[in-house]
Amino acid sequence: MNSPSASMPPAPDWSRTALGDSAHWPPSLRLTIDILLNSPQAMLLLWGAEQIMVYNDAYAALLGLPSLRAPGGQVPAMQPSAFSWNSAALAPVREGHSLSYRNCALPLWRDGRMEQQPMDLYYTPIREQERVAGILCTLALARPSVAAGGDATLRLLVVEDNTDARYLVCETLRALGHEVEAVASGEEALPLLSSQPFDVLFSDVSLPGISGVELARRALQQNPQLALLFASGYGDELTRRLDFPARSLQKPYDIEQLQAVLEQIAASLPAR
């Protein structure tokens, strides 16, 4: 049996781009570009007031334009369609909220001509010292609507203060077909819970400021039908001590465990 081998593409010479030498990048930019360049999913980053554009090979292949060469790094002469299709919709992202949009018609180059293709778009704010310094867009060909009797699509609010963990769980939930928004604290979550409909609050237990348990208690006061799911190092021991119904996943958990508990939650929700 042959052993799997790792391939490592040559590092771009960032000093020749508008981003400058990577040695001077803030940590959030370095992490985002590492994720972007190593992902098989089409991703596009707009960074800074200059809106410097960085994208990966999957994005270049998706758009189909022969002139596109990853990783970009130049200020675009024209906004990419992933950002210009509805600029007003991105205002909440610039304020720090993750958003997703389904079945957005974007122009893609196919068979020598431009065609409108339905796309799913996922926007994540990238922060630098508590301000939004960039927006990461993940693109995918639109998934067909879930047929009657199939798996239910849940609307989840993820509350996780660790940037890497928040990104990974959101991408996993979206890959499972769910709609996701994400914030880093209970203080950010409460206004969203009062202004938007969610099926599930999926929160870490240990959060800065308001704890996950206290957040859940306040959320239930706003919406008694809200399903509660905790990521916890205590597992079932936590939920047995609570004075309200909730489910929990023992850290670390795998995708199968996450999918199973979400299926249980979907089955328990009233039809909508």
C-alpha atoms as a PDB file:
ATOM      1  CA  MET A   1       0.000   0.000   0.000  1.00  0.00           C
ATOM      2  CA  ASN A   2       1.375   3.367  -0.970  1.00  0.00           C
ATOM      3  CA  SER A   3       1.585   5.967   1.745  1.00  0.00           C
ATOM      4  CA  PRO A   4      -0.309   9.217   1.135  1.00  0.00           C
ATOM      5  CA  SER A   5       1.979  12.062   0.190  1.00  0.00           C
ATOM      6  CA  ALA A   6       1.527  15.717   0.977  1.00  0.00           C
ATOM      7  CA  SER A   7       1.896  18.353  -1.705  1.00  0.00           C
ATOM      8  CA  MET A   8       3.064  21.817  -0.789  1.00  0.00           C
ATOM      9  CA  PRO A   9       2.696  24.515  -3.474  1.00  0.00           C
ATOM     10  CA  PRO A  10       5.298  27.265  -3.549  1.00  0.00           C
ATOM     11  CA  ALA A  11       4.464  30.210  -1.316  1.00  0.00           C
ATOM     12  CA  PRO A  12       3.373  33.350  -3.213  1.00  0.00           C
ATOM     13  CA  ASP A  13       5.698  36.338  -3.180  1.00  0.00           C
ATOM     14  CA  TRP A  14       3.328  38.599  -1.272  1.00  0.00           C
ATOM     15  CA  SER A  15       5.826  41.464  -1.233  1.00  0.00           C
ATOM     16  CA  ARG A  16       4.929  42.060  -4.894  1.00  0.00           C
ATOM     17  CA  THR A  17       1.217  42.398  -4.146  1.00  0.00           C
ATOM     18  CA  ALA A  18      -0.865  45.130  -2.561  1.00  0.00           C
ATOM     19  CA  LEU A  19      -0.820  43.194   0.736  1.00  0.00           C
ATOM     20  CA  GLY A  20       2.925  43.582   1.129  1.00  0.00           C
ATOM     21  CA  ASP A  21       5.367  41.307   2.931  1.00  0.00           C
ATOM     22  CA  SER A  22       3.479  38.625   4.878  1.00  0.00           C
ATOM     23  CA  ALA A  23       5.874  39.074   7.813  1.00  0.00           C
ATOM     24  CA  HIS A  24       3.993  42.303   8.597  1.00  0.00           C
ATOM     25  CA  TRP A  25       0.463  40.913   8.331  1.00  0.00           C
ATOM     26  CA  PRO A  26      -1.858  40.868  11.348  1.00  0.00           C
ATOM     27  CA  PRO A  27      -2.629  37.356  12.678  1.00  0.00           C
ATOM     28  CA  SER A  28      -6.237  37.412  11.424  1.00  0.00           C
ATOM     29  CA  LEU A  29      -5.111  38.027   7.833  1.00  0.00           C
ATOM     30  CA  ARG A  30      -2.466  35.314   8.008  1.00  0.00           C
ATOM     31  CA  LEU A  31      -4.957  32.758   9.366  1.00  0.00           C
ATOM     32  CA  THR A  32      -7.628  33.638   6.798  1.00  0.00           C
ATOM     33  CA  ILE A  33      -5.271  33.362   3.839  1.00  0.00           C
ATOM     34  CA  ASP A  34      -3.851  30.065   5.117  1.00  0.00           C
ATOM     35  CA  ILE A  35      -7.404  28.671   5.257  1.00  0.00           C
ATOM     36  CA  LEU A  36      -8.349  30.174   1.898  1.00  0.00           C
ATOM     37  CA  LEU A  37      -5.346  28.846  -0.021  1.00  0.00           C
ATOM     38  CA  ASN A  38      -5.599  25.379   1.517  1.00  0.00           C
ATOM     39  CA  SER A  39      -9.353  24.969   0.902  1.00  0.00           C
ATOM     40  CA  PRO A  40     -10.893  23.067  -2.029  1.00  0.00           C
ATOM     41  CA  GLN A  41     -13.952  25.337  -1.685  1.00  0.00           C
ATOM     42  CA  ALA A  42     -14.080  28.536  -3.756  1.00  0.00           C
ATOM     43  CA  MET A  43     -13.153  31.481  -1.522  1.00  0.00           C
ATOM     44  CA  LEU A  44     -12.626  35.190  -2.059  1.00  0.00           C
ATOM     45  CA  LEU A  45     -11.302  37.706   0.472  1.00  0.00           C
ATOM     46  CA  LEU A  46     -11.644  41.475   0.284  1.00  0.00           C
ATOM     47  CA  TRP A  47      -9.226  43.058   2.728  1.00  0.00           C
ATOM     48  CA  GLY A  48      -8.846  46.570   4.065  1.00  0.00           C
ATOM     49  CA  ALA A  49     -10.223  49.912   2.964  1.00  0.00           C
ATOM     50  CA  GLU A  50      -8.519  49.373  -0.406  1.00  0.00           C
ATOM     51  CA  GLN A  51     -10.531  46.142  -0.861  1.00  0.00           C
ATOM     52  CA  ILE A  52      -7.485  44.124  -1.849  1.00  0.00           C
ATOM     53  CA  MET A  53      -8.719  40.921  -3.458  1.00  0.00           C
ATOM     54  CA  VAL A  54      -7.260  37.481  -2.658  1.00  0.00           C
ATOM     55  CA  TYR A  55      -8.770  34.225  -3.942  1.00  0.00           C
ATOM     56  CA  ASN A  56      -7.880  30.581  -4.336  1.00  0.00           C
ATOM     57  CA  ASP A  57      -7.603  28.236  -7.325  1.00  0.00           C
ATOM     58  CA  ALA A  58     -11.121  26.921  -6.728  1.00  0.00           C
ATOM     59  CA  TYR A  59     -12.543  30.445  -7.079  1.00  0.00           C
ATOM     60  CA  ALA A  60     -10.618  31.051 -10.301  1.00  0.00           C
ATOM     61  CA  ALA A  61     -11.860  27.730 -11.699  1.00  0.00           C
ATOM     62  CA  LEU A  62     -15.454  28.479 -10.676  1.00  0.00           C
ATOM     63  CA  LEU A  63     -15.546  31.845 -12.436  1.00  0.00           C
ATOM     64  CA  GLY A  64     -13.996  30.338 -15.562  1.00  0.00           C
ATOM     65  CA  LEU A  65     -12.190  33.500 -16.635  1.00  0.00           C
ATOM     66  CA  PRO A  66      -8.803  32.643 -18.182  1.00  0.00           C
ATOM     67  CA  SER A  67      -7.275  35.872 -16.877  1.00  0.00           C
ATOM     68  CA  LEU A  68      -7.800  34.927 -13.204  1.00  0.00           C
ATOM     69  CA  ARG A  69      -4.732  33.555 -11.474  1.00  0.00           C
ATOM     70  CA  ALA A  70      -4.738  32.787  -7.764  1.00  0.00           C
ATOM     71  CA  PRO A  71      -3.964  34.218  -5.270  1.00  0.00           C
ATOM     72  CA  GLY A  72      -4.783  37.677  -6.655  1.00  0.00           C
ATOM     73  CA  GLY A  73      -3.613  40.317  -4.236  1.00  0.00           C
ATOM     74  CA  GLN A  74      -4.368  43.357  -6.360  1.00  0.00           C
ATOM     75  CA  VAL A  75      -7.002  46.050  -5.854  1.00  0.00           C
ATOM     76  CA  PRO A  76      -9.846  45.076  -8.224  1.00  0.00           C
ATOM     77  CA  ALA A  77     -10.791  47.533 -10.948  1.00  0.00           C
ATOM     78  CA  MET A  78     -14.372  46.273 -10.628  1.00  0.00           C
ATOM     79  CA  GLN A  79     -16.102  44.642  -7.677  1.00  0.00           C
ATOM     80  CA  PRO A  80     -16.406  40.862  -8.092  1.00  0.00           C
ATOM     81  CA  SER A  81     -19.993  39.746  -8.557  1.00  0.00           C
ATOM     82  CA  ALA A  82     -19.960  37.899  -5.218  1.00  0.00           C
ATOM     83  CA  PHE A  83     -19.767  41.313  -3.559  1.00  0.00           C
ATOM     84  CA  SER A  84     -21.561  43.571  -6.045  1.00  0.00           C
ATOM     85  CA  TRP A  85     -24.764  41.521  -6.550  1.00  0.00           C
ATOM     86  CA  ASN A  86     -26.342  43.124  -3.480  1.00  0.00           C
ATOM     87  CA  SER A  87     -24.033  45.557  -1.722  1.00  0.00           C
ATOM     88  CA  ALA A  88     -26.710  46.640   0.759  1.00  0.00           C
ATOM     89  CA  ALA A  89     -27.008  43.057   2.004  1.00  0.00           C
ATOM     90  CA  LEU A  90     -23.372  43.142   3.124  1.00  0.00           C
ATOM     91  CA  ALA A  91     -23.860  45.986   5.599  1.00  0.00           C
ATOM     92  CA  PRO A  92     -24.488  43.566   8.519  1.00  0.00           C
ATOM     93  CA  VAL A  93     -21.269  41.706   7.630  1.00  0.00           C
ATOM     94  CA  ARG A  94     -19.296  44.934   7.854  1.00  0.00           C
ATOM     95  CA  GLU A  95     -20.850  45.352  11.290  1.00  0.00           C
ATOM     96  CA  GLY A  96     -19.565  41.932  12.332  1.00  0.00           C
ATOM     97  CA  HIS A  97     -22.331  39.435  11.493  1.00  0.00           C
ATOM     98  CA  SER A  98     -21.936  36.275   9.413  1.00  0.00           C
ATOM     99  CA  LEU A  99     -24.558  35.903   6.669  1.00  0.00           C
ATOM    100  CA  SER A 100     -25.554  33.347   4.055  1.00  0.00           C
ATOM    101  CA  TYR A 101     -27.629  33.696   0.894  1.00  0.00           C
ATOM    102  CA  ARG A 102     -29.074  30.896  -1.227  1.00  0.00           C
ATOM    103  CA  ASN A 103     -29.685  30.691  -4.968  1.00  0.00           C
ATOM    104  CA  CYS A 104     -28.102  34.017  -5.925  1.00  0.00           C
ATOM    105  CA  ALA A 105     -27.735  34.411  -9.701  1.00  0.00           C
ATOM    106  CA  LEU A 106     -24.105  35.277 -10.486  1.00  0.00           C
ATOM    107  CA  PRO A 107     -22.487  35.641 -13.921  1.00  0.00           C
ATOM    108  CA  LEU A 108     -19.962  32.846 -14.611  1.00  0.00           C
ATOM    109  CA  TRP A 109     -17.949  32.190 -17.756  1.00  0.00           C
ATOM    110  CA  ARG A 110     -19.141  28.949 -19.347  1.00  0.00           C
ATOM    111  CA  ASP A 111     -18.416  27.559 -22.829  1.00  0.00           C
ATOM    112  CA  GLY A 112     -17.120  30.848 -24.150  1.00  0.00           C
ATOM    113  CA  ARG A 113     -19.904  33.071 -22.821  1.00  0.00           C
ATOM    114  CA  MET A 114     -21.314  34.527 -19.624  1.00  0.00           C
ATOM    115  CA  GLU A 115     -24.179  32.638 -18.018  1.00  0.00           C
ATOM    116  CA  GLN A 116     -26.186  33.270 -14.877  1.00  0.00           C
ATOM    117  CA  GLN A 117     -25.583  30.471 -12.373  1.00  0.00           C
ATOM    118  CA  PRO A 118     -27.406  29.943  -9.047  1.00  0.00           C
ATOM    119  CA  MET A 119     -24.887  30.170  -6.228  1.00  0.00           C
ATOM    120  CA  ASP A 120     -24.920  29.847  -2.459  1.00  0.00           C
ATOM    121  CA  LEU A 121     -22.868  32.628  -0.819  1.00  0.00           C
ATOM    122  CA  TYR A 122     -21.495  32.630   2.732  1.00  0.00           C
ATOM    123  CA  TYR A 123     -19.984  35.812   4.176  1.00  0.00           C
ATOM    124  CA  THR A 124     -17.748  35.878   7.254  1.00  0.00           C
ATOM    125  CA  PRO A 125     -16.361  39.094   8.819  1.00  0.00           C
ATOM    126  CA  ILE A 126     -12.617  38.988   9.525  1.00  0.00           C
ATOM    127  CA  ARG A 127     -11.662  41.096  12.518  1.00  0.00           C
ATOM    128  CA  GLU A 128      -8.461  42.906  13.372  1.00  0.00           C
ATOM    129  CA  GLN A 129      -8.333  44.383  16.875  1.00  0.00           C
ATOM    130  CA  GLU A 130     -12.128  44.253  17.328  1.00  0.00           C
ATOM    131  CA  ARG A 131     -12.929  45.919  13.996  1.00  0.00           C
ATOM    132  CA  VAL A 132     -13.942  44.264  10.741  1.00  0.00           C
ATOM    133  CA  ALA A 133     -10.922  44.539   8.442  1.00  0.00           C
ATOM    134  CA  GLY A 134     -12.077  42.185   5.703  1.00  0.00           C
ATOM    135  CA  ILE A 135     -14.858  39.949   4.424  1.00  0.00           C
ATOM    136  CA  LEU A 136     -14.362  36.326   3.412  1.00  0.00           C
ATOM    137  CA  CYS A 137     -16.845  34.954   0.882  1.00  0.00           C
ATOM    138  CA  THR A 138     -17.231  31.209   0.346  1.00  0.00           C
ATOM    139  CA  LEU A 139     -19.066  30.241  -2.850  1.00  0.00           C
ATOM    140  CA  ALA A 140     -20.746  27.011  -3.917  1.00  0.00           C
ATOM    141  CA  LEU A 141     -23.077  25.990  -6.700  1.00  0.00           C
ATOM    142  CA  ALA A 142     -26.572  26.235  -5.244  1.00  0.00           C
ATOM    143  CA  ARG A 143     -27.860  23.056  -3.669  1.00  0.00           C
ATOM    144  CA  PRO A 144     -31.303  21.886  -4.776  1.00  0.00           C
ATOM    145  CA  SER A 145     -34.092  22.519  -2.307  1.00  0.00           C
ATOM    146  CA  VAL A 146     -34.677  19.774   0.216  1.00  0.00           C
ATOM    147  CA  ALA A 147     -37.549  17.569  -0.941  1.00  0.00           C
ATOM    148  CA  ALA A 148     -40.548  16.908   1.272  1.00  0.00           C
ATOM    149  CA  GLY A 149     -39.750  14.121   3.690  1.00  0.00           C
ATOM    150  CA  GLY A 150     -36.018  14.766   3.417  1.00  0.00           C
ATOM    151  CA  ASP A 151     -33.632  16.168   5.971  1.00  0.00           C
ATOM    152  CA  ALA A 152     -34.893  19.400   7.533  1.00  0.00           C
ATOM    153  CA  THR A 153     -32.953  22.627   7.145  1.00  0.00           C
ATOM    154  CA  LEU A 154     -32.363  24.285  10.507  1.00  0.00           C
ATOM    155  CA  ARG A 155     -31.602  27.927  11.194  1.00  0.00           C
ATOM    156  CA  LEU A 156     -28.781  28.050  13.734  1.00  0.00           C
ATOM    157  CA  LEU A 157     -27.055  30.819  15.646  1.00  0.00           C
ATOM    158  CA  VAL A 158     -23.539  29.695  16.585  1.00  0.00           C
ATOM    159  CA  VAL A 159     -21.862  31.420  19.545  1.00  0.00           C
ATOM    160  CA  GLU A 160     -18.153  30.606  19.801  1.00  0.00           C
ATOM    161  CA  ASP A 161     -15.359  32.962  20.827  1.00  0.00           C
ATOM    162  CA  ASN A 162     -12.538  30.938  19.230  1.00  0.00           C
ATOM    163  CA  THR A 163     -12.118  32.107  15.638  1.00  0.00           C
ATOM    164  CA  ASP A 164     -10.874  28.795  14.234  1.00  0.00           C
ATOM    165  CA  ALA A 165     -13.559  26.738  15.989  1.00  0.00           C
ATOM    166  CA  ARG A 166     -16.292  29.148  14.910  1.00  0.00           C
ATOM    167  CA  TYR A 167     -15.191  28.977  11.275  1.00  0.00           C
ATOM    168  CA  LEU A 168     -14.965  25.184  11.227  1.00  0.00           C
ATOM    169  CA  VAL A 169     -18.315  24.530  12.884  1.00  0.00           C
ATOM    170  CA  CYS A 170     -20.088  27.005  10.591  1.00  0.00           C
ATOM    171  CA  GLU A 171     -18.609  25.449   7.460  1.00  0.00           C
ATOM    172  CA  THR A 172     -19.580  21.993   8.735  1.00  0.00           C
ATOM    173  CA  LEU A 173     -23.155  23.060   9.453  1.00  0.00           C
ATOM    174  CA  ARG A 174     -23.477  24.644   6.023  1.00  0.00           C
ATOM    175  CA  ALA A 175     -22.101  21.521   4.388  1.00  0.00           C
ATOM    176  CA  LEU A 176     -24.850  19.592   6.201  1.00  0.00           C
ATOM    177  CA  GLY A 177     -27.405  21.869   4.538  1.00  0.00           C
ATOM    178  CA  HIS A 178     -28.266  24.228   7.399  1.00  0.00           C
ATOM    179  CA  GLU A 179     -28.493  28.025   7.542  1.00  0.00           C
ATOM    180  CA  VAL A 180     -25.992  29.584   9.926  1.00  0.00           C
ATOM    181  CA  GLU A 181     -25.098  32.884  11.503  1.00  0.00           C
ATOM    182  CA  ALA A 182     -22.264  33.205  13.993  1.00  0.00           C
ATOM    183  CA  VAL A 183     -21.035  35.597  16.669  1.00  0.00           C
ATOM    184  CA  ALA A 184     -18.252  35.526  19.239  1.00  0.00           C
ATOM    185  CA  SER A 185     -20.130  36.388  22.428  1.00  0.00           C
ATOM    186  CA  GLY A 186     -23.456  36.270  24.218  1.00  0.00           C
ATOM    187  CA  GLU A 187     -23.643  40.048  24.119  1.00  0.00           C
ATOM    188  CA  GLU A 188     -23.588  39.889  20.301  1.00  0.00           C
ATOM    189  CA  ALA A 189     -26.037  36.995  20.205  1.00  0.00           C
ATOM    190  CA  LEU A 190     -28.898  38.521  22.190  1.00  0.00           C
ATOM    191  CA  PRO A 191     -29.840  41.265  19.662  1.00  0.00           C
ATOM    192  CA  LEU A 192     -29.841  38.718  16.839  1.00  0.00           C
ATOM    193  CA  LEU A 193     -32.021  36.328  18.817  1.00  0.00           C
ATOM    194  CA  SER A 194     -34.580  39.085  19.387  1.00  0.00           C
ATOM    195  CA  SER A 195     -34.604  40.286  15.761  1.00  0.00           C
ATOM    196  CA  GLN A 196     -34.263  37.098  13.680  1.00  0.00           C
ATOM    197  CA  PRO A 197     -35.953  33.674  13.744  1.00  0.00           C
ATOM    198  CA  PHE A 198     -33.690  30.772  14.732  1.00  0.00           C
ATOM    199  CA  ASP A 199     -34.460  27.124  15.375  1.00  0.00           C
ATOM    200  CA  VAL A 200     -31.305  26.363  17.352  1.00  0.00           C
ATOM    201  CA  LEU A 201     -28.905  28.239  19.595  1.00  0.00           C
ATOM    202  CA  PHE A 202     -25.592  26.339  19.405  1.00  0.00           C
ATOM    203  CA  SER A 203     -23.278  27.832  22.009  1.00  0.00           C
ATOM    204  CA  ASP A 204     -20.012  27.099  23.716  1.00  0.00           C
ATOM    205  CA  VAL A 205     -20.495  26.954  27.474  1.00  0.00           C
ATOM    206  CA  SER A 206     -17.433  29.055  28.367  1.00  0.00           C
ATOM    207  CA  LEU A 207     -17.741  32.477  26.776  1.00  0.00           C
ATOM    208  CA  PRO A 208     -16.286  35.877  27.633  1.00  0.00           C
ATOM    209  CA  GLY A 209     -18.874  37.962  29.459  1.00  0.00           C
ATOM    210  CA  ILE A 210     -22.244  36.223  29.496  1.00  0.00           C
ATOM    211  CA  SER A 211     -21.765  32.464  29.819  1.00  0.00           C
ATOM    212  CA  GLY A 212     -23.377  30.074  27.369  1.00  0.00           C
ATOM    213  CA  VAL A 213     -25.783  28.864  30.059  1.00  0.00           C
ATOM    214  CA  GLU A 214     -26.894  32.382  30.981  1.00  0.00           C
ATOM    215  CA  LEU A 215     -27.245  33.254  27.283  1.00  0.00           C
ATOM    216  CA  ALA A 216     -29.493  30.223  26.800  1.00  0.00           C
ATOM    217  CA  ARG A 217     -31.623  31.178  29.797  1.00  0.00           C
ATOM    218  CA  ARG A 218     -32.168  34.702  28.418  1.00  0.00           C
ATOM    219  CA  ALA A 219     -32.777  33.358  24.907  1.00  0.00           C
ATOM    220  CA  LEU A 220     -35.566  31.097  26.180  1.00  0.00           C
ATOM    221  CA  GLN A 221     -37.264  34.110  27.740  1.00  0.00           C
ATOM    222  CA  GLN A 222     -37.405  35.647  24.256  1.00  0.00           C
ATOM    223  CA  ASN A 223     -38.308  32.427  22.430  1.00  0.00           C
ATOM    224  CA  PRO A 224     -39.512  29.458  24.525  1.00  0.00           C
ATOM    225  CA  GLN A 225     -39.541  27.240  21.374  1.00  0.00           C
ATOM    226  CA  LEU A 226     -35.824  27.713  20.730  1.00  0.00           C
ATOM    227  CA  ALA A 227     -33.801  24.477  20.801  1.00  0.00           C
ATOM    228  CA  LEU A 228     -30.578  24.686  22.830  1.00  0.00           C
ATOM    229  CA  LEU A 229     -27.362  22.862  22.019  1.00  0.00           C
ATOM    230  CA  PHE A 230     -24.135  23.274  23.988  1.00  0.00           C
ATOM    231  CA  ALA A 231     -20.571  22.384  23.100  1.00  0.00           C
ATOM    232  CA  SER A 232     -19.134  21.412  26.458  1.00  0.00           C
ATOM    233  CA  GLY A 233     -16.324  19.562  28.128  1.00  0.00           C
ATOM    234  CA  TYR A 234     -18.888  18.276  30.640  1.00  0.00           C
ATOM    235  CA  GLY A 235     -21.148  16.417  28.207  1.00  0.00           C
ATOM    236  CA  ASP A 236     -24.437  15.099  29.618  1.00  0.00           C
ATOM    237  CA  GLU A 237     -23.367  16.069  33.131  1.00  0.00           C
ATOM    238  CA  LEU A 238     -24.040  19.706  32.232  1.00  0.00           C
ATOM    239  CA  THR A 239     -27.553  19.196  30.858  1.00  0.00           C
ATOM    240  CA  ARG A 240     -28.602  17.137  33.896  1.00  0.00           C
ATOM    241  CA  ARG A 241     -27.887  20.142  36.128  1.00  0.00           C
ATOM    242  CA  LEU A 242     -29.798  22.722  34.095  1.00  0.00           C
ATOM    243  CA  ASP A 243     -33.221  24.063  34.988  1.00  0.00           C
ATOM    244  CA  PHE A 244     -34.288  24.105  31.330  1.00  0.00           C
ATOM    245  CA  PRO A 245     -34.179  21.507  28.506  1.00  0.00           C
ATOM    246  CA  ALA A 246     -31.011  21.395  26.406  1.00  0.00           C
ATOM    247  CA  ARG A 247     -28.728  19.030  24.554  1.00  0.00           C
ATOM    248  CA  SER A 248     -24.950  18.956  24.633  1.00  0.00           C
ATOM    249  CA  LEU A 249     -22.027  17.606  22.658  1.00  0.00           C
ATOM    250  CA  GLN A 250     -18.905  16.474  24.470  1.00  0.00           C
ATOM    251  CA  LYS A 251     -15.790  18.221  23.159  1.00  0.00           C
ATOM    252  CA  PRO A 252     -14.206  17.089  20.942  1.00  0.00           C
ATOM    253  CA  TYR A 253     -17.120  15.772  18.865  1.00  0.00           C
ATOM    254  CA  ASP A 254     -17.216  14.469  15.297  1.00  0.00           C
ATOM    255  CA  ILE A 255     -19.481  15.286  12.361  1.00  0.00           C
ATOM    256  CA  GLU A 256     -21.588  12.151  12.835  1.00  0.00           C
ATOM    257  CA  GLN A 257     -22.395  13.134  16.426  1.00  0.00           C
ATOM    258  CA  LEU A 258     -23.283  16.660  15.363  1.00  0.00           C
ATOM    259  CA  GLN A 259     -25.497  15.429  12.535  1.00  0.00           C
ATOM    260  CA  ALA A 260     -27.268  12.949  14.806  1.00  0.00           C
ATOM    261  CA  VAL A 261     -28.174  15.536  17.445  1.00  0.00           C
ATOM    262  CA  LEU A 262     -29.366  17.992  14.771  1.00  0.00           C
ATOM    263  CA  GLU A 263     -31.616  15.297  13.314  1.00  0.00           C
ATOM    264  CA  GLN A 264     -33.079  14.773  16.797  1.00  0.00           C
ATOM    265  CA  ILE A 265     -33.690  18.511  17.141  1.00  0.00           C
ATOM    266  CA  ALA A 266     -35.298  18.742  13.668  1.00  0.00           C
ATOM    267  CA  ALA A 267     -37.642  15.874  14.492  1.00  0.00           C
ATOM    268  CA  SER A 268     -38.723  17.557  17.735  1.00  0.00           C
ATOM    269  CA  LEU A 269     -39.527  20.953  16.218  1.00  0.00           C
ATOM    270  CA  PRO A 270     -43.107  21.841  15.229  1.00  0.00           C
ATOM    271  CA  ALA A 271     -43.801  21.800  11.483  1.00  0.00           C
ATOM    272  CA  ARG A 272     -43.263  25.116   9.774  1.00  0.00           C
END
